[in-house]
Amino acid sequence: MRIGELAERAGTTTRALRYYEQLGLLPARRAGNGYRAYDEGDLRLLREIRMLQDFGFGLEETRPFVECLRAGHPEG
């Protein structure tokens, strides 16, 4: 999916997604046409980041959780 669809499905903005990408929290993949490309795993990761923020974690504090999820360890 493209960045606009991901933002809409996650309830955030494309600007926020670009920022997460810049911080290295969200993978930066490009399709052959140069557009950012995301999948369902990215949506799940983004929802986890946003949930952690709702619990009061700062973006940098979410990094260990994000790294764990990216390593393939399911959320508890």
PDB file of N, CA and C in Angstrom:
ATOM      1  N   MET A   1       0.851  -1.179   0.000  1.00  0.00           N
ATOM      2  CA  MET A   1       0.000   0.000   0.000  1.00  0.00           C
ATOM      3  C   MET A   1       0.890   1.232   0.000  1.00  0.00           C
ATOM      4  N   ARG A   2       0.353   2.314  -0.447  1.00  0.00           N
ATOM      5  CA  ARG A   2       1.111   3.560  -0.487  1.00  0.00           C
ATOM      6  C   ARG A   2       0.930   4.323   0.814  1.00  0.00           C
ATOM      7  N   ILE A   3       1.723   5.364   0.978  1.00  0.00           N
ATOM      8  CA  ILE A   3       1.789   6.093   2.238  1.00  0.00           C
ATOM      9  C   ILE A   3       0.443   6.684   2.657  1.00  0.00           C
ATOM     10  N   GLY A   4      -0.327   7.198   1.709  1.00  0.00           N
ATOM     11  CA  GLY A   4      -1.629   7.780   2.041  1.00  0.00           C
ATOM     12  C   GLY A   4      -2.591   6.752   2.602  1.00  0.00           C
ATOM     13  N   GLU A   5      -2.597   5.567   2.008  1.00  0.00           N
ATOM     14  CA  GLU A   5      -3.475   4.498   2.497  1.00  0.00           C
ATOM     15  C   GLU A   5      -3.043   4.033   3.882  1.00  0.00           C
ATOM     16  N   LEU A   6      -1.735   3.886   4.083  1.00  0.00           N
ATOM     17  CA  LEU A   6      -1.244   3.483   5.400  1.00  0.00           C
ATOM     18  C   LEU A   6      -1.623   4.517   6.457  1.00  0.00           C
ATOM     19  N   ALA A   7      -1.435   5.784   6.155  1.00  0.00           N
ATOM     20  CA  ALA A   7      -1.782   6.846   7.101  1.00  0.00           C
ATOM     21  C   ALA A   7      -3.265   6.798   7.443  1.00  0.00           C
ATOM     22  N   GLU A   8      -4.098   6.629   6.437  1.00  0.00           N
ATOM     23  CA  GLU A   8      -5.545   6.587   6.663  1.00  0.00           C
ATOM     24  C   GLU A   8      -5.934   5.386   7.522  1.00  0.00           C
ATOM     25  N   ARG A   9      -5.394   4.224   7.191  1.00  0.00           N
ATOM     26  CA  ARG A   9      -5.738   3.008   7.939  1.00  0.00           C
ATOM     27  C   ARG A   9      -5.230   3.047   9.374  1.00  0.00           C
ATOM     28  N   ALA A  10      -4.114   3.755   9.598  1.00  0.00           N
ATOM     29  CA  ALA A  10      -3.526   3.826  10.937  1.00  0.00           C
ATOM     30  C   ALA A  10      -4.041   5.024  11.729  1.00  0.00           C
ATOM     31  N   GLY A  11      -4.782   5.906  11.086  1.00  0.00           N
ATOM     32  CA  GLY A  11      -5.313   7.073  11.785  1.00  0.00           C
ATOM     33  C   GLY A  11      -4.257   8.116  12.098  1.00  0.00           C
ATOM     34  N   THR A  12      -3.327   8.286  11.178  1.00  0.00           N
ATOM     35  CA  THR A  12      -2.273   9.280  11.364  1.00  0.00           C
ATOM     36  C   THR A  12      -2.081  10.059  10.065  1.00  0.00           C
ATOM     37  N   THR A  13      -1.008  10.812   9.987  1.00  0.00           N
ATOM     38  CA  THR A  13      -0.753  11.622   8.795  1.00  0.00           C
ATOM     39  C   THR A  13       0.450  11.089   8.026  1.00  0.00           C
ATOM     40  N   THR A  14       0.529  11.444   6.765  1.00  0.00           N
ATOM     41  CA  THR A  14       1.690  11.055   5.971  1.00  0.00           C
ATOM     42  C   THR A  14       2.948  11.730   6.517  1.00  0.00           C
ATOM     43  N   ARG A  15       2.787  12.915   7.034  1.00  0.00           N
ATOM     44  CA  ARG A  15       3.931  13.624   7.617  1.00  0.00           C
ATOM     45  C   ARG A  15       4.508  12.840   8.795  1.00  0.00           C
ATOM     46  N   ALA A  16       3.634  12.315   9.658  1.00  0.00           N
ATOM     47  CA  ALA A  16       4.085  11.514  10.794  1.00  0.00           C
ATOM     48  C   ALA A  16       4.808  10.257  10.309  1.00  0.00           C
ATOM     49  N   LEU A  17       4.281   9.625   9.269  1.00  0.00           N
ATOM     50  CA  LEU A  17       4.920   8.416   8.746  1.00  0.00           C
ATOM     51  C   LEU A  17       6.302   8.709   8.192  1.00  0.00           C
ATOM     52  N   ARG A  18       6.434   9.826   7.499  1.00  0.00           N
ATOM     53  CA  ARG A  18       7.758  10.208   6.997  1.00  0.00           C
ATOM     54  C   ARG A  18       8.730  10.460   8.161  1.00  0.00           C
ATOM     55  N   TYR A  19       8.226  11.040   9.233  1.00  0.00           N
ATOM     56  CA  TYR A  19       9.048  11.293  10.411  1.00  0.00           C
ATOM     57  C   TYR A  19       9.483   9.967  11.054  1.00  0.00           C
ATOM     58  N   TYR A  20       8.556   9.022  11.203  1.00  0.00           N
ATOM     59  CA  TYR A  20       8.893   7.707  11.750  1.00  0.00           C
ATOM     60  C   TYR A  20       9.947   7.024  10.879  1.00  0.00           C
ATOM     61  N   GLU A  21       9.810   7.193   9.577  1.00  0.00           N
ATOM     62  CA  GLU A  21      10.776   6.632   8.640  1.00  0.00           C
ATOM     63  C   GLU A  21      12.148   7.284   8.842  1.00  0.00           C
ATOM     64  N   GLN A  22      12.151   8.585   8.996  1.00  0.00           N
ATOM     65  CA  GLN A  22      13.392   9.332   9.207  1.00  0.00           C
ATOM     66  C   GLN A  22      14.102   8.871  10.491  1.00  0.00           C
ATOM     67  N   LEU A  23      13.324   8.560  11.532  1.00  0.00           N
ATOM     68  CA  LEU A  23      13.881   8.084  12.792  1.00  0.00           C
ATOM     69  C   LEU A  23      14.317   6.621  12.737  1.00  0.00           C
ATOM     70  N   GLY A  24      13.945   5.936  11.659  1.00  0.00           N
ATOM     71  CA  GLY A  24      14.293   4.526  11.527  1.00  0.00           C
ATOM     72  C   GLY A  24      13.315   3.587  12.199  1.00  0.00           C
ATOM     73  N   LEU A  25      12.163   4.097  12.604  1.00  0.00           N
ATOM     74  CA  LEU A  25      11.154   3.253  13.252  1.00  0.00           C
ATOM     75  C   LEU A  25      10.285   2.514  12.245  1.00  0.00           C
ATOM     76  N   LEU A  26      10.116   3.088  11.089  1.00  0.00           N
ATOM     77  CA  LEU A  26       9.297   2.505  10.028  1.00  0.00           C
ATOM     78  C   LEU A  26      10.216   2.257   8.837  1.00  0.00           C
ATOM     79  N   PRO A  27      10.153   1.072   8.235  1.00  0.00           N
ATOM     80  CA  PRO A  27      11.069   0.775   7.129  1.00  0.00           C
ATOM     81  C   PRO A  27      10.850   1.707   5.937  1.00  0.00           C
ATOM     82  N   ALA A  28      11.937   1.998   5.257  1.00  0.00           N
ATOM     83  CA  ALA A  28      11.895   2.873   4.084  1.00  0.00           C
ATOM     84  C   ALA A  28      12.087   2.016   2.839  1.00  0.00           C
ATOM     85  N   ARG A  29      10.985   1.535   2.289  1.00  0.00           N
ATOM     86  CA  ARG A  29      11.044   0.740   1.064  1.00  0.00           C
ATOM     87  C   ARG A  29      10.378   1.518  -0.057  1.00  0.00           C
ATOM     88  N   ARG A  30      10.885   1.340  -1.243  1.00  0.00           N
ATOM     89  CA  ARG A  30      10.323   2.021  -2.416  1.00  0.00           C
ATOM     90  C   ARG A  30       9.927   0.988  -3.460  1.00  0.00           C
ATOM     91  N   ALA A  31       8.799   1.247  -4.090  1.00  0.00           N
ATOM     92  CA  ALA A  31       8.353   0.412  -5.201  1.00  0.00           C
ATOM     93  C   ALA A  31       9.156   0.805  -6.441  1.00  0.00           C
ATOM     94  N   GLY A  32       9.011   0.058  -7.496  1.00  0.00           N
ATOM     95  CA  GLY A  32       9.722   0.336  -8.733  1.00  0.00           C
ATOM     96  C   GLY A  32       9.454   1.716  -9.296  1.00  0.00           C
ATOM     97  N   ASN A  33       8.265   2.266  -8.997  1.00  0.00           N
ATOM     98  CA  ASN A  33       7.913   3.589  -9.492  1.00  0.00           C
ATOM     99  C   ASN A  33       8.404   4.716  -8.574  1.00  0.00           C
ATOM    100  N   GLY A  34       9.108   4.364  -7.487  1.00  0.00           N
ATOM    101  CA  GLY A  34       9.664   5.361  -6.583  1.00  0.00           C
ATOM    102  C   GLY A  34       8.775   5.718  -5.396  1.00  0.00           C
ATOM    103  N   TYR A  35       7.533   5.244  -5.406  1.00  0.00           N
ATOM    104  CA  TYR A  35       6.632   5.525  -4.290  1.00  0.00           C
ATOM    105  C   TYR A  35       6.991   4.655  -3.093  1.00  0.00           C
ATOM    106  N   ARG A  36       6.744   5.176  -1.900  1.00  0.00           N
ATOM    107  CA  ARG A  36       6.923   4.370  -0.699  1.00  0.00           C
ATOM    108  C   ARG A  36       5.937   3.209  -0.745  1.00  0.00           C
ATOM    109  N   ALA A  37       6.394   2.040  -0.302  1.00  0.00           N
ATOM    110  CA  ALA A  37       5.548   0.844  -0.331  1.00  0.00           C
ATOM    111  C   ALA A  37       5.506   0.225   1.066  1.00  0.00           C
ATOM    112  N   TYR A  38       4.313  -0.065   1.538  1.00  0.00           N
ATOM    113  CA  TYR A  38       4.113  -0.642   2.867  1.00  0.00           C
ATOM    114  C   TYR A  38       3.230  -1.875   2.761  1.00  0.00           C
ATOM    115  N   ASP A  39       3.295  -2.726   3.790  1.00  0.00           N
ATOM    116  CA  ASP A  39       2.446  -3.914   3.811  1.00  0.00           C
ATOM    117  C   ASP A  39       1.722  -4.004   5.155  1.00  0.00           C
ATOM    118  N   GLU A  40       0.999  -5.084   5.358  1.00  0.00           N
ATOM    119  CA  GLU A  40       0.223  -5.261   6.589  1.00  0.00           C
ATOM    120  C   GLU A  40       1.117  -5.308   7.827  1.00  0.00           C
ATOM    121  N   GLY A  41       2.313  -5.841   7.680  1.00  0.00           N
ATOM    122  CA  GLY A  41       3.255  -5.866   8.797  1.00  0.00           C
ATOM    123  C   GLY A  41       3.640  -4.461   9.242  1.00  0.00           C
ATOM    124  N   ASP A  42       3.774  -3.559   8.280  1.00  0.00           N
ATOM    125  CA  ASP A  42       4.092  -2.165   8.605  1.00  0.00           C
ATOM    126  C   ASP A  42       2.921  -1.508   9.331  1.00  0.00           C
ATOM    127  N   LEU A  43       1.709  -1.851   8.916  1.00  0.00           N
ATOM    128  CA  LEU A  43       0.524  -1.317   9.583  1.00  0.00           C
ATOM    129  C   LEU A  43       0.482  -1.798  11.034  1.00  0.00           C
ATOM    130  N   ARG A  44       0.760  -3.074  11.250  1.00  0.00           N
ATOM    131  CA  ARG A  44       0.794  -3.614  12.614  1.00  0.00           C
ATOM    132  C   ARG A  44       1.860  -2.916  13.452  1.00  0.00           C
ATOM    133  N   LEU A  45       3.035  -2.730  12.876  1.00  0.00           N
ATOM    134  CA  LEU A  45       4.128  -2.057  13.566  1.00  0.00           C
ATOM    135  C   LEU A  45       3.734  -0.632  13.936  1.00  0.00           C
ATOM    136  N   LEU A  46       3.116   0.059  13.021  1.00  0.00           N
ATOM    137  CA  LEU A  46       2.688   1.427  13.274  1.00  0.00           C
ATOM    138  C   LEU A  46       1.636   1.482  14.377  1.00  0.00           C
ATOM    139  N   ARG A  47       0.719   0.544  14.373  1.00  0.00           N
ATOM    140  CA  ARG A  47      -0.297   0.495  15.431  1.00  0.00           C
ATOM    141  C   ARG A  47       0.343   0.247  16.798  1.00  0.00           C
ATOM    142  N   GLU A  48       1.387  -0.585  16.824  1.00  0.00           N
ATOM    143  CA  GLU A  48       2.096  -0.839  18.078  1.00  0.00           C
ATOM    144  C   GLU A  48       2.794   0.434  18.565  1.00  0.00           C
ATOM    145  N   ILE A  49       3.431   1.146  17.654  1.00  0.00           N
ATOM    146  CA  ILE A  49       4.107   2.402  18.018  1.00  0.00           C
ATOM    147  C   ILE A  49       3.099   3.382  18.596  1.00  0.00           C
ATOM    148  N   ARG A  50       1.969   3.516  17.941  1.00  0.00           N
ATOM    149  CA  ARG A  50       0.955   4.464  18.390  1.00  0.00           C
ATOM    150  C   ARG A  50       0.356   4.038  19.733  1.00  0.00           C
ATOM    151  N   MET A  51       0.199   2.745  19.946  1.00  0.00           N
ATOM    152  CA  MET A  51      -0.320   2.269  21.220  1.00  0.00           C
ATOM    153  C   MET A  51       0.669   2.590  22.349  1.00  0.00           C
ATOM    154  N   LEU A  52       1.939   2.371  22.084  1.00  0.00           N
ATOM    155  CA  LEU A  52       2.962   2.692  23.087  1.00  0.00           C
ATOM    156  C   LEU A  52       2.962   4.186  23.404  1.00  0.00           C
ATOM    157  N   GLN A  53       2.762   5.006  22.387  1.00  0.00           N
ATOM    158  CA  GLN A  53       2.675   6.446  22.618  1.00  0.00           C
ATOM    159  C   GLN A  53       1.456   6.778  23.467  1.00  0.00           C
ATOM    160  N   ASP A  54       0.360   6.093  23.230  1.00  0.00           N
ATOM    161  CA  ASP A  54      -0.843   6.305  24.043  1.00  0.00           C
ATOM    162  C   ASP A  54      -0.592   5.963  25.512  1.00  0.00           C
ATOM    163  N   PHE A  55       0.320   5.010  25.748  1.00  0.00           N
ATOM    164  CA  PHE A  55       0.672   4.636  27.117  1.00  0.00           C
ATOM    165  C   PHE A  55       1.692   5.583  27.730  1.00  0.00           C
ATOM    166  N   GLY A  56       2.140   6.564  26.964  1.00  0.00           N
ATOM    167  CA  GLY A  56       3.052   7.568  27.490  1.00  0.00           C
ATOM    168  C   GLY A  56       4.503   7.434  27.074  1.00  0.00           C
ATOM    169  N   PHE A  57       4.814   6.463  26.228  1.00  0.00           N
ATOM    170  CA  PHE A  57       6.183   6.317  25.749  1.00  0.00           C
ATOM    171  C   PHE A  57       6.480   7.374  24.693  1.00  0.00           C
ATOM    172  N   GLY A  58       7.689   7.923  24.727  1.00  0.00           N
ATOM    173  CA  GLY A  58       8.155   8.808  23.671  1.00  0.00           C
ATOM    174  C   GLY A  58       8.588   7.967  22.481  1.00  0.00           C
ATOM    175  N   LEU A  59       8.743   8.593  21.323  1.00  0.00           N
ATOM    176  CA  LEU A  59       9.122   7.838  20.132  1.00  0.00           C
ATOM    177  C   LEU A  59      10.429   7.078  20.319  1.00  0.00           C
ATOM    178  N   GLU A  60      11.430   7.714  20.884  1.00  0.00           N
ATOM    179  CA  GLU A  60      12.707   7.023  21.085  1.00  0.00           C
ATOM    180  C   GLU A  60      12.558   5.864  22.071  1.00  0.00           C
ATOM    181  N   GLU A  61      11.654   5.984  23.017  1.00  0.00           N
ATOM    182  CA  GLU A  61      11.433   4.907  23.987  1.00  0.00           C
ATOM    183  C   GLU A  61      10.751   3.703  23.349  1.00  0.00           C
ATOM    184  N   THR A  62      10.112   3.886  22.204  1.00  0.00           N
ATOM    185  CA  THR A  62       9.456   2.770  21.517  1.00  0.00           C
ATOM    186  C   THR A  62      10.457   1.923  20.743  1.00  0.00           C
ATOM    187  N   ARG A  63      11.647   2.452  20.536  1.00  0.00           N
ATOM    188  CA  ARG A  63      12.639   1.771  19.687  1.00  0.00           C
ATOM    189  C   ARG A  63      12.901   0.315  20.095  1.00  0.00           C
ATOM    190  N   PRO A  64      13.138  -0.014  21.371  1.00  0.00           N
ATOM    191  CA  PRO A  64      13.379  -1.426  21.716  1.00  0.00           C
ATOM    192  C   PRO A  64      12.201  -2.339  21.352  1.00  0.00           C
ATOM    193  N   PHE A  65      10.992  -1.840  21.507  1.00  0.00           N
ATOM    194  CA  PHE A  65       9.809  -2.629  21.153  1.00  0.00           C
ATOM    195  C   PHE A  65       9.738  -2.828  19.641  1.00  0.00           C
ATOM    196  N   VAL A  66      10.011  -1.769  18.912  1.00  0.00           N
ATOM    197  CA  VAL A  66       9.989  -1.831  17.449  1.00  0.00           C
ATOM    198  C   VAL A  66      11.037  -2.826  16.956  1.00  0.00           C
ATOM    199  N   GLU A  67      12.225  -2.756  17.522  1.00  0.00           N
ATOM    200  CA  GLU A  67      13.292  -3.674  17.110  1.00  0.00           C
ATOM    201  C   GLU A  67      12.918  -5.125  17.406  1.00  0.00           C
ATOM    202  N   CYS A  68      12.263  -5.338  18.522  1.00  0.00           N
ATOM    203  CA  CYS A  68      11.810  -6.691  18.871  1.00  0.00           C
ATOM    204  C   CYS A  68      10.770  -7.182  17.866  1.00  0.00           C
ATOM    205  N   LEU A  69       9.814  -6.355  17.533  1.00  0.00           N
ATOM    206  CA  LEU A  69       8.791  -6.729  16.571  1.00  0.00           C
ATOM    207  C   LEU A  69       9.394  -6.988  15.185  1.00  0.00           C
ATOM    208  N   ARG A  70      10.338  -6.155  14.794  1.00  0.00           N
ATOM    209  CA  ARG A  70      10.970  -6.334  13.491  1.00  0.00           C
ATOM    210  C   ARG A  70      11.806  -7.602  13.434  1.00  0.00           C
ATOM    211  N   ALA A  71      12.327  -8.030  14.590  1.00  0.00           N
ATOM    212  CA  ALA A  71      13.119  -9.250  14.662  1.00  0.00           C
ATOM    213  C   ALA A  71      12.230 -10.501  14.567  1.00  0.00           C
ATOM    214  N   GLY A  72      10.926 -10.295  14.596  1.00  0.00           N
ATOM    215  CA  GLY A  72      10.011 -11.408  14.446  1.00  0.00           C
ATOM    216  C   GLY A  72       9.426 -11.946  15.713  1.00  0.00           C
ATOM    217  N   HIS A  73       9.645 -11.247  16.817  1.00  0.00           N
ATOM    218  CA  HIS A  73       9.061 -11.677  18.079  1.00  0.00           C
ATOM    219  C   HIS A  73       7.660 -11.092  18.185  1.00  0.00           C
ATOM    220  N   PRO A  74       6.642 -11.928  18.320  1.00  0.00           N
ATOM    221  CA  PRO A  74       5.275 -11.418  18.394  1.00  0.00           C
ATOM    222  C   PRO A  74       5.047 -10.612  19.665  1.00  0.00           C
ATOM    223  N   GLU A  75       4.089  -9.700  19.554  1.00  0.00           N
ATOM    224  CA  GLU A  75       3.724  -8.930  20.734  1.00  0.00           C
ATOM    225  C   GLU A  75       3.095  -9.848  21.753  1.00  0.00           C
ATOM    226  N   GLY A  76       3.235  -9.494  23.022  1.00  0.00           N
ATOM    227  CA  GLY A  76       2.773 -10.344  24.113  1.00  0.00           C
ATOM    228  C   GLY A  76       1.354 -10.264  24.432  1.00  0.00           C
TER     229      GLY A  76
END
